Amino acid sequence: MNKQVSFKDLGLIDYKQCWDFQEQLFAEILAVKSSNRKENKEVDTKNYLIFCEHPHVYTLGKSGDEKNLLVNEDYLKSRGATFHKINRGGDITYHGPGQIVGYPILDLDNFFTDIHKYLRFLEEAVILTLKEYGLDSERSPGETGVWFDVGKPKARKICALGVKSSRWVTMHGFAFNVNSDLSYFGNIIPCGITDKSVTSLQNELGRKMDMNEVKNKLKTHLVKLFEIKII
């Protein structure tokens, strides 16, 4: 099992450009797995972890409802935002500058073949990162992501998850609001959830955060949880 992971921080990158890049890596791993099966041989498959930020964009998962986008295309253009229907699970979400978007493209055959555990590890990495800033976050029963004050009137989400997997290879991932402009969430019903709000690390702490510092803490927790070796 190959637990080496190639880490790439792509910085601010167009959503579609990054999605195409993900698809390319995803397809390459699947092709190697198919070839190995046909030839009855064992060859290590590669793993990747991408961090990036996107210009303002809304993405709708394959099980999502387009009615959860509350504005029209002209309004999106006026706010410098785009919209994409994509092939991950989940409903609608927003990506934008100041948000750490993580795309683990992993062959879980190299780690553990358990999607539930995979999602919980992604959440746990964010929970542990927030703890380093003195914030106690948690999971919300029946909902993915990372939250504050679950079950209370001020329940709010700081990290959303939406993934795709095929033959234990993953793509898409998580969106962690650090210095996000939260006003953009007002144009959607985030993840189709009407009774909870959205927050960011900056909003919770009352100060702008060092993105690289947060990324490094988050990456460290992902490395420990998945027992990976960054290359």
C-alpha atoms as a PDB file:
ATOM      1  CA  MET A   1       0.000   0.000   0.000  1.00  0.00           C
ATOM      2  CA  ASN A   2       1.375   3.363  -1.081  1.00  0.00           C
ATOM      3  CA  LYS A   3       0.761   6.024   1.569  1.00  0.00           C
ATOM      4  CA  GLN A   4       2.867   8.633  -0.170  1.00  0.00           C
ATOM      5  CA  VAL A   5       0.821  11.667  -1.185  1.00  0.00           C
ATOM      6  CA  SER A   6       1.860  14.359  -3.635  1.00  0.00           C
ATOM      7  CA  PHE A   7       0.827  17.722  -2.159  1.00  0.00           C
ATOM      8  CA  LYS A   8       0.025  20.658  -4.419  1.00  0.00           C
ATOM      9  CA  ASP A   9      -1.035  24.151  -3.328  1.00  0.00           C
ATOM     10  CA  LEU A  10      -2.472  25.677  -6.508  1.00  0.00           C
ATOM     11  CA  GLY A  11      -3.265  29.054  -4.942  1.00  0.00           C
ATOM     12  CA  LEU A  12      -6.157  30.980  -6.511  1.00  0.00           C
ATOM     13  CA  ILE A  13      -7.338  28.937  -9.501  1.00  0.00           C
ATOM     14  CA  ASP A  14     -10.443  28.931 -11.712  1.00  0.00           C
ATOM     15  CA  TYR A  15     -12.937  26.299 -10.541  1.00  0.00           C
ATOM     16  CA  LYS A  16     -13.360  24.566 -13.911  1.00  0.00           C
ATOM     17  CA  GLN A  17      -9.609  24.496 -14.524  1.00  0.00           C
ATOM     18  CA  CYS A  18      -9.051  22.800 -11.160  1.00  0.00           C
ATOM     19  CA  TRP A  19     -11.986  20.425 -11.676  1.00  0.00           C
ATOM     20  CA  ASP A  20     -10.468  19.323 -15.004  1.00  0.00           C
ATOM     21  CA  PHE A  21      -7.127  18.766 -13.255  1.00  0.00           C
ATOM     22  CA  GLN A  22      -8.827  16.664 -10.576  1.00  0.00           C
ATOM     23  CA  GLU A  23     -10.607  14.612 -13.247  1.00  0.00           C
ATOM     24  CA  GLN A  24      -7.293  13.958 -14.999  1.00  0.00           C
ATOM     25  CA  LEU A  25      -5.591  12.662 -11.832  1.00  0.00           C
ATOM     26  CA  PHE A  26      -8.703  10.679 -10.851  1.00  0.00           C
ATOM     27  CA  ALA A  27      -8.864   9.015 -14.295  1.00  0.00           C
ATOM     28  CA  GLU A  28      -5.144   8.174 -14.238  1.00  0.00           C
ATOM     29  CA  ILE A  29      -5.457   6.366 -10.903  1.00  0.00           C
ATOM     30  CA  LEU A  30      -8.522   4.432 -12.097  1.00  0.00           C
ATOM     31  CA  ALA A  31      -6.723   3.460 -15.317  1.00  0.00           C
ATOM     32  CA  VAL A  32      -3.805   2.017 -13.344  1.00  0.00           C
ATOM     33  CA  LYS A  33      -6.209   0.064 -11.130  1.00  0.00           C
ATOM     34  CA  SER A  34      -8.028  -1.332 -14.180  1.00  0.00           C
ATOM     35  CA  SER A  35      -4.758  -2.315 -15.825  1.00  0.00           C
ATOM     36  CA  ASN A  36      -3.532  -4.006 -12.657  1.00  0.00           C
ATOM     37  CA  ARG A  37      -6.739  -6.013 -12.385  1.00  0.00           C
ATOM     38  CA  LYS A  38      -6.591  -7.162 -16.011  1.00  0.00           C
ATOM     39  CA  GLU A  39      -2.962  -8.197 -15.736  1.00  0.00           C
ATOM     40  CA  ASN A  40      -3.379  -9.587 -12.222  1.00  0.00           C
ATOM     41  CA  LYS A  41      -0.461  -7.578 -10.879  1.00  0.00           C
ATOM     42  CA  GLU A  42       0.101  -5.186  -8.022  1.00  0.00           C
ATOM     43  CA  VAL A  43       1.437  -1.744  -8.873  1.00  0.00           C
ATOM     44  CA  ASP A  44       1.278   1.158  -6.467  1.00  0.00           C
ATOM     45  CA  THR A  45      -1.306   3.780  -7.333  1.00  0.00           C
ATOM     46  CA  LYS A  46      -0.569   7.453  -6.734  1.00  0.00           C
ATOM     47  CA  ASN A  47      -2.309   9.741  -4.249  1.00  0.00           C
ATOM     48  CA  TYR A  48      -2.698  13.518  -4.305  1.00  0.00           C
ATOM     49  CA  LEU A  49      -3.771  16.281  -1.942  1.00  0.00           C
ATOM     50  CA  ILE A  50      -4.657  19.625  -3.509  1.00  0.00           C
ATOM     51  CA  PHE A  51      -5.183  22.842  -1.595  1.00  0.00           C
ATOM     52  CA  CYS A  52      -6.471  25.903  -3.428  1.00  0.00           C
ATOM     53  CA  GLU A  53      -8.779  28.906  -3.390  1.00  0.00           C
ATOM     54  CA  HIS A  54     -11.312  29.704  -6.102  1.00  0.00           C
ATOM     55  CA  PRO A  55     -12.680  32.953  -7.503  1.00  0.00           C
ATOM     56  CA  HIS A  56     -16.349  33.383  -6.478  1.00  0.00           C
ATOM     57  CA  VAL A  57     -18.262  30.315  -7.663  1.00  0.00           C
ATOM     58  CA  TYR A  58     -21.341  28.292  -6.738  1.00  0.00           C
ATOM     59  CA  THR A  59     -21.368  24.532  -7.318  1.00  0.00           C
ATOM     60  CA  LEU A  60     -24.380  22.219  -7.275  1.00  0.00           C
ATOM     61  CA  GLY A  61     -23.932  18.516  -6.490  1.00  0.00           C
ATOM     62  CA  LYS A  62     -25.680  15.823  -8.503  1.00  0.00           C
ATOM     63  CA  SER A  63     -28.343  15.323  -5.822  1.00  0.00           C
ATOM     64  CA  GLY A  64     -28.838  19.072  -5.318  1.00  0.00           C
ATOM     65  CA  ASP A  65     -31.825  21.286  -6.083  1.00  0.00           C
ATOM     66  CA  GLU A  66     -31.180  24.249  -8.390  1.00  0.00           C
ATOM     67  CA  LYS A  67     -33.888  26.165  -6.486  1.00  0.00           C
ATOM     68  CA  ASN A  68     -31.341  26.543  -3.690  1.00  0.00           C
ATOM     69  CA  LEU A  69     -29.571  29.104  -5.898  1.00  0.00           C
ATOM     70  CA  LEU A  70     -31.585  32.205  -5.051  1.00  0.00           C
ATOM     71  CA  VAL A  71     -30.326  34.586  -7.749  1.00  0.00           C
ATOM     72  CA  ASN A  72     -30.197  34.639 -11.556  1.00  0.00           C
ATOM     73  CA  GLU A  73     -27.244  34.548 -13.919  1.00  0.00           C
ATOM     74  CA  ASP A  74     -27.189  38.328 -14.408  1.00  0.00           C
ATOM     75  CA  TYR A  75     -26.891  38.875 -10.677  1.00  0.00           C
ATOM     76  CA  LEU A  76     -24.082  36.308 -10.465  1.00  0.00           C
ATOM     77  CA  LYS A  77     -22.189  38.203 -13.162  1.00  0.00           C
ATOM     78  CA  SER A  78     -22.689  41.460 -11.263  1.00  0.00           C
ATOM     79  CA  ARG A  79     -21.014  39.850  -8.223  1.00  0.00           C
ATOM     80  CA  GLY A  80     -18.217  38.333 -10.316  1.00  0.00           C
ATOM     81  CA  ALA A  81     -19.459  34.807  -9.633  1.00  0.00           C
ATOM     82  CA  THR A  82     -20.006  31.710 -11.777  1.00  0.00           C
ATOM     83  CA  PHE A  83     -22.160  28.579 -11.392  1.00  0.00           C
ATOM     84  CA  HIS A  84     -21.380  24.928 -12.166  1.00  0.00           C
ATOM     85  CA  LYS A  85     -23.356  21.706 -11.911  1.00  0.00           C
ATOM     86  CA  ILE A  86     -20.831  19.089 -10.846  1.00  0.00           C
ATOM     87  CA  ASN A  87     -20.447  15.369 -10.149  1.00  0.00           C
ATOM     88  CA  ARG A  88     -19.959  15.288  -6.384  1.00  0.00           C
ATOM     89  CA  GLY A  89     -22.481  14.401  -3.720  1.00  0.00           C
ATOM     90  CA  GLY A  90     -24.305  17.041  -1.736  1.00  0.00           C
ATOM     91  CA  ASP A  91     -26.291  20.125  -2.641  1.00  0.00           C
ATOM     92  CA  ILE A  92     -25.197  23.703  -3.395  1.00  0.00           C
ATOM     93  CA  THR A  93     -22.197  25.458  -1.896  1.00  0.00           C
ATOM     94  CA  TYR A  94     -20.047  28.528  -2.397  1.00  0.00           C
ATOM     95  CA  HIS A  95     -16.297  28.785  -2.953  1.00  0.00           C
ATOM     96  CA  GLY A  96     -14.342  32.001  -2.939  1.00  0.00           C
ATOM     97  CA  PRO A  97     -11.142  33.768  -1.906  1.00  0.00           C
ATOM     98  CA  GLY A  98     -10.251  33.294   1.747  1.00  0.00           C
ATOM     99  CA  GLN A  99     -11.591  29.736   1.823  1.00  0.00           C
ATOM    100  CA  ILE A 100      -9.295  26.696   1.958  1.00  0.00           C
ATOM    101  CA  VAL A 101     -10.605  24.158  -0.534  1.00  0.00           C
ATOM    102  CA  GLY A 102      -9.095  20.699  -0.151  1.00  0.00           C
ATOM    103  CA  TYR A 103      -9.261  18.017  -2.817  1.00  0.00           C
ATOM    104  CA  PRO A 104      -7.820  14.672  -1.646  1.00  0.00           C
ATOM    105  CA  ILE A 105      -7.499  12.417  -4.678  1.00  0.00           C
ATOM    106  CA  LEU A 106      -6.661   9.218  -2.869  1.00  0.00           C
ATOM    107  CA  ASP A 107      -6.845   5.543  -3.650  1.00  0.00           C
ATOM    108  CA  LEU A 108      -8.421   4.391  -0.406  1.00  0.00           C
ATOM    109  CA  ASP A 109      -7.125   0.883  -1.134  1.00  0.00           C
ATOM    110  CA  ASN A 110      -3.857   2.415   0.080  1.00  0.00           C
ATOM    111  CA  PHE A 111      -5.436   3.514   3.372  1.00  0.00           C
ATOM    112  CA  PHE A 112      -8.784   1.958   4.336  1.00  0.00           C
ATOM    113  CA  THR A 113     -11.842   1.091   2.290  1.00  0.00           C
ATOM    114  CA  ASP A 114     -14.444   2.966   4.311  1.00  0.00           C
ATOM    115  CA  ILE A 115     -16.053   6.153   2.926  1.00  0.00           C
ATOM    116  CA  HIS A 116     -17.734   6.935   6.257  1.00  0.00           C
ATOM    117  CA  LYS A 117     -14.344   6.845   8.010  1.00  0.00           C
ATOM    118  CA  TYR A 118     -12.838   8.931   5.197  1.00  0.00           C
ATOM    119  CA  LEU A 119     -15.426  11.705   5.663  1.00  0.00           C
ATOM    120  CA  ARG A 120     -15.017  11.635   9.439  1.00  0.00           C
ATOM    121  CA  PHE A 121     -11.227  12.006   9.077  1.00  0.00           C
ATOM    122  CA  LEU A 122     -11.669  15.078   6.855  1.00  0.00           C
ATOM    123  CA  GLU A 123     -13.984  16.587   9.453  1.00  0.00           C
ATOM    124  CA  GLU A 124     -11.619  15.656  12.274  1.00  0.00           C
ATOM    125  CA  ALA A 125      -8.686  17.443  10.613  1.00  0.00           C
ATOM    126  CA  VAL A 126     -10.724  20.671  10.589  1.00  0.00           C
ATOM    127  CA  ILE A 127     -11.991  20.123  14.149  1.00  0.00           C
ATOM    128  CA  LEU A 128      -8.408  19.675  15.396  1.00  0.00           C
ATOM    129  CA  THR A 129      -7.250  22.745  13.467  1.00  0.00           C
ATOM    130  CA  LEU A 130      -9.993  24.867  15.046  1.00  0.00           C
ATOM    131  CA  LYS A 131      -9.033  23.526  18.467  1.00  0.00           C
ATOM    132  CA  GLU A 132      -5.550  25.020  17.962  1.00  0.00           C
ATOM    133  CA  TYR A 133      -7.278  28.406  17.814  1.00  0.00           C
ATOM    134  CA  GLY A 134      -9.216  27.735  21.011  1.00  0.00           C
ATOM    135  CA  LEU A 135     -12.485  26.898  19.239  1.00  0.00           C
ATOM    136  CA  ASP A 136     -14.613  23.851  20.061  1.00  0.00           C
ATOM    137  CA  SER A 137     -16.404  22.638  16.927  1.00  0.00           C
ATOM    138  CA  GLU A 138     -18.360  19.453  16.322  1.00  0.00           C
ATOM    139  CA  ARG A 139     -20.320  17.284  13.917  1.00  0.00           C
ATOM    140  CA  SER A 140     -24.054  17.622  13.375  1.00  0.00           C
ATOM    141  CA  PRO A 141     -25.968  14.289  13.453  1.00  0.00           C
ATOM    142  CA  GLY A 142     -27.178  13.359   9.986  1.00  0.00           C
ATOM    143  CA  GLU A 143     -25.249  16.188   8.303  1.00  0.00           C
ATOM    144  CA  THR A 144     -21.690  16.264   7.035  1.00  0.00           C
ATOM    145  CA  GLY A 145     -19.233  19.053   7.736  1.00  0.00           C
ATOM    146  CA  VAL A 146     -17.978  20.911  10.802  1.00  0.00           C
ATOM    147  CA  TRP A 147     -20.254  23.049  12.970  1.00  0.00           C
ATOM    148  CA  PHE A 148     -20.534  25.262  16.033  1.00  0.00           C
ATOM    149  CA  ASP A 149     -23.378  25.184  18.584  1.00  0.00           C
ATOM    150  CA  VAL A 150     -25.187  22.189  17.109  1.00  0.00           C
ATOM    151  CA  GLY A 151     -28.779  21.949  18.341  1.00  0.00           C
ATOM    152  CA  LYS A 152     -28.828  25.589  19.438  1.00  0.00           C
ATOM    153  CA  PRO A 153     -30.433  28.652  17.784  1.00  0.00           C
ATOM    154  CA  LYS A 154     -27.021  29.922  16.626  1.00  0.00           C
ATOM    155  CA  ALA A 155     -25.895  26.659  14.982  1.00  0.00           C
ATOM    156  CA  ARG A 156     -23.519  27.479  12.116  1.00  0.00           C
ATOM    157  CA  LYS A 157     -21.291  25.627   9.673  1.00  0.00           C
ATOM    158  CA  ILE A 158     -17.636  26.471   9.080  1.00  0.00           C
ATOM    159  CA  CYS A 159     -16.659  23.609   6.767  1.00  0.00           C
ATOM    160  CA  ALA A 160     -18.688  21.829   4.069  1.00  0.00           C
ATOM    161  CA  LEU A 161     -17.951  18.410   2.545  1.00  0.00           C
ATOM    162  CA  GLY A 162     -18.894  16.960  -0.835  1.00  0.00           C
ATOM    163  CA  VAL A 163     -17.068  14.028  -2.413  1.00  0.00           C
ATOM    164  CA  LYS A 164     -17.150  11.583  -5.262  1.00  0.00           C
ATOM    165  CA  SER A 165     -15.633   8.109  -5.206  1.00  0.00           C
ATOM    166  CA  SER A 166     -15.295   5.281  -7.695  1.00  0.00           C
ATOM    167  CA  ARG A 167     -13.621   1.955  -6.903  1.00  0.00           C
ATOM    168  CA  TRP A 168     -12.288   3.571  -3.715  1.00  0.00           C
ATOM    169  CA  VAL A 169     -10.677   6.504  -5.535  1.00  0.00           C
ATOM    170  CA  THR A 170     -11.834   9.885  -4.208  1.00  0.00           C
ATOM    171  CA  MET A 171     -12.146  13.390  -5.627  1.00  0.00           C
ATOM    172  CA  HIS A 172     -13.722  16.728  -4.650  1.00  0.00           C
ATOM    173  CA  GLY A 173     -13.510  17.239  -0.880  1.00  0.00           C
ATOM    174  CA  PHE A 174     -13.989  20.033   1.649  1.00  0.00           C
ATOM    175  CA  ALA A 175     -14.345  23.821   1.852  1.00  0.00           C
ATOM    176  CA  PHE A 176     -13.118  25.469   5.069  1.00  0.00           C
ATOM    177  CA  ASN A 177     -14.154  29.103   5.570  1.00  0.00           C
ATOM    178  CA  VAL A 178     -11.169  31.042   6.897  1.00  0.00           C
ATOM    179  CA  ASN A 179     -11.345  34.655   5.651  1.00  0.00           C
ATOM    180  CA  SER A 180     -14.394  34.100   3.428  1.00  0.00           C
ATOM    181  CA  ASP A 181     -16.766  36.921   2.426  1.00  0.00           C
ATOM    182  CA  LEU A 182     -19.855  35.409   4.054  1.00  0.00           C
ATOM    183  CA  SER A 183     -22.237  37.719   2.177  1.00  0.00           C
ATOM    184  CA  TYR A 184     -21.934  35.405  -0.845  1.00  0.00           C
ATOM    185  CA  PHE A 185     -23.677  32.648   1.111  1.00  0.00           C
ATOM    186  CA  GLY A 186     -26.770  34.898   1.140  1.00  0.00           C
ATOM    187  CA  ASN A 187     -27.338  34.041  -2.525  1.00  0.00           C
ATOM    188  CA  ILE A 188     -27.964  30.345  -1.794  1.00  0.00           C
ATOM    189  CA  ILE A 189     -29.513  27.966   0.715  1.00  0.00           C
ATOM    190  CA  PRO A 190     -26.146  26.423   1.684  1.00  0.00           C
ATOM    191  CA  CYS A 191     -26.215  22.640   1.324  1.00  0.00           C
ATOM    192  CA  GLY A 192     -30.008  22.955   1.142  1.00  0.00           C
ATOM    193  CA  ILE A 193     -30.182  23.596   4.910  1.00  0.00           C
ATOM    194  CA  THR A 194     -32.571  26.418   5.772  1.00  0.00           C
ATOM    195  CA  ASP A 195     -32.363  26.617   9.562  1.00  0.00           C
ATOM    196  CA  LYS A 196     -28.618  27.061  10.155  1.00  0.00           C
ATOM    197  CA  SER A 197     -26.142  29.776   9.193  1.00  0.00           C
ATOM    198  CA  VAL A 198     -22.567  29.836   7.943  1.00  0.00           C
ATOM    199  CA  THR A 199     -19.458  31.223   9.618  1.00  0.00           C
ATOM    200  CA  SER A 200     -15.696  31.566   9.134  1.00  0.00           C
ATOM    201  CA  LEU A 201     -12.579  31.447  11.284  1.00  0.00           C
ATOM    202  CA  GLN A 202     -12.196  35.218  10.860  1.00  0.00           C
ATOM    203  CA  ASN A 203     -15.810  35.718  11.949  1.00  0.00           C
ATOM    204  CA  GLU A 204     -15.387  33.541  15.043  1.00  0.00           C
ATOM    205  CA  LEU A 205     -12.107  35.107  16.192  1.00  0.00           C
ATOM    206  CA  GLY A 206     -12.729  38.674  15.046  1.00  0.00           C
ATOM    207  CA  ARG A 207      -9.496  39.003  13.113  1.00  0.00           C
ATOM    208  CA  LYS A 208      -8.145  38.210   9.656  1.00  0.00           C
ATOM    209  CA  MET A 209      -6.250  34.943   9.627  1.00  0.00           C
ATOM    210  CA  ASP A 210      -2.907  33.993   8.102  1.00  0.00           C
ATOM    211  CA  MET A 211      -4.011  31.571   5.367  1.00  0.00           C
ATOM    212  CA  ASN A 212      -0.654  29.793   5.148  1.00  0.00           C
ATOM    213  CA  GLU A 213      -0.591  29.241   8.890  1.00  0.00           C
ATOM    214  CA  VAL A 214      -4.068  27.682   8.835  1.00  0.00           C
ATOM    215  CA  LYS A 215      -3.176  25.554   5.801  1.00  0.00           C
ATOM    216  CA  ASN A 216      -0.063  24.212   7.520  1.00  0.00           C
ATOM    217  CA  LYS A 217      -1.985  23.274  10.657  1.00  0.00           C
ATOM    218  CA  LEU A 218      -4.704  21.592   8.597  1.00  0.00           C
ATOM    219  CA  LYS A 219      -2.202  19.682   6.472  1.00  0.00           C
ATOM    220  CA  THR A 220      -0.384  18.471   9.600  1.00  0.00           C
ATOM    221  CA  HIS A 221      -3.604  16.999  10.998  1.00  0.00           C
ATOM    222  CA  LEU A 222      -4.486  15.317   7.686  1.00  0.00           C
ATOM    223  CA  VAL A 223      -0.999  13.761   7.587  1.00  0.00           C
ATOM    224  CA  LYS A 224      -1.355  12.376  11.117  1.00  0.00           C
ATOM    225  CA  LEU A 225      -4.909  11.081  10.691  1.00  0.00           C
ATOM    226  CA  PHE A 226      -4.286   9.313   7.385  1.00  0.00           C
ATOM    227  CA  GLU A 227      -0.712   8.331   8.340  1.00  0.00           C
ATOM    228  CA  ILE A 228       0.527   9.707   5.037  1.00  0.00           C
ATOM    229  CA  LYS A 229       3.947  10.780   3.851  1.00  0.00           C
ATOM    230  CA  ILE A 230       3.872  14.062   1.901  1.00  0.00           C
ATOM    231  CA  ILE A 231       6.102  14.106  -1.195  1.00  0.00           C
END
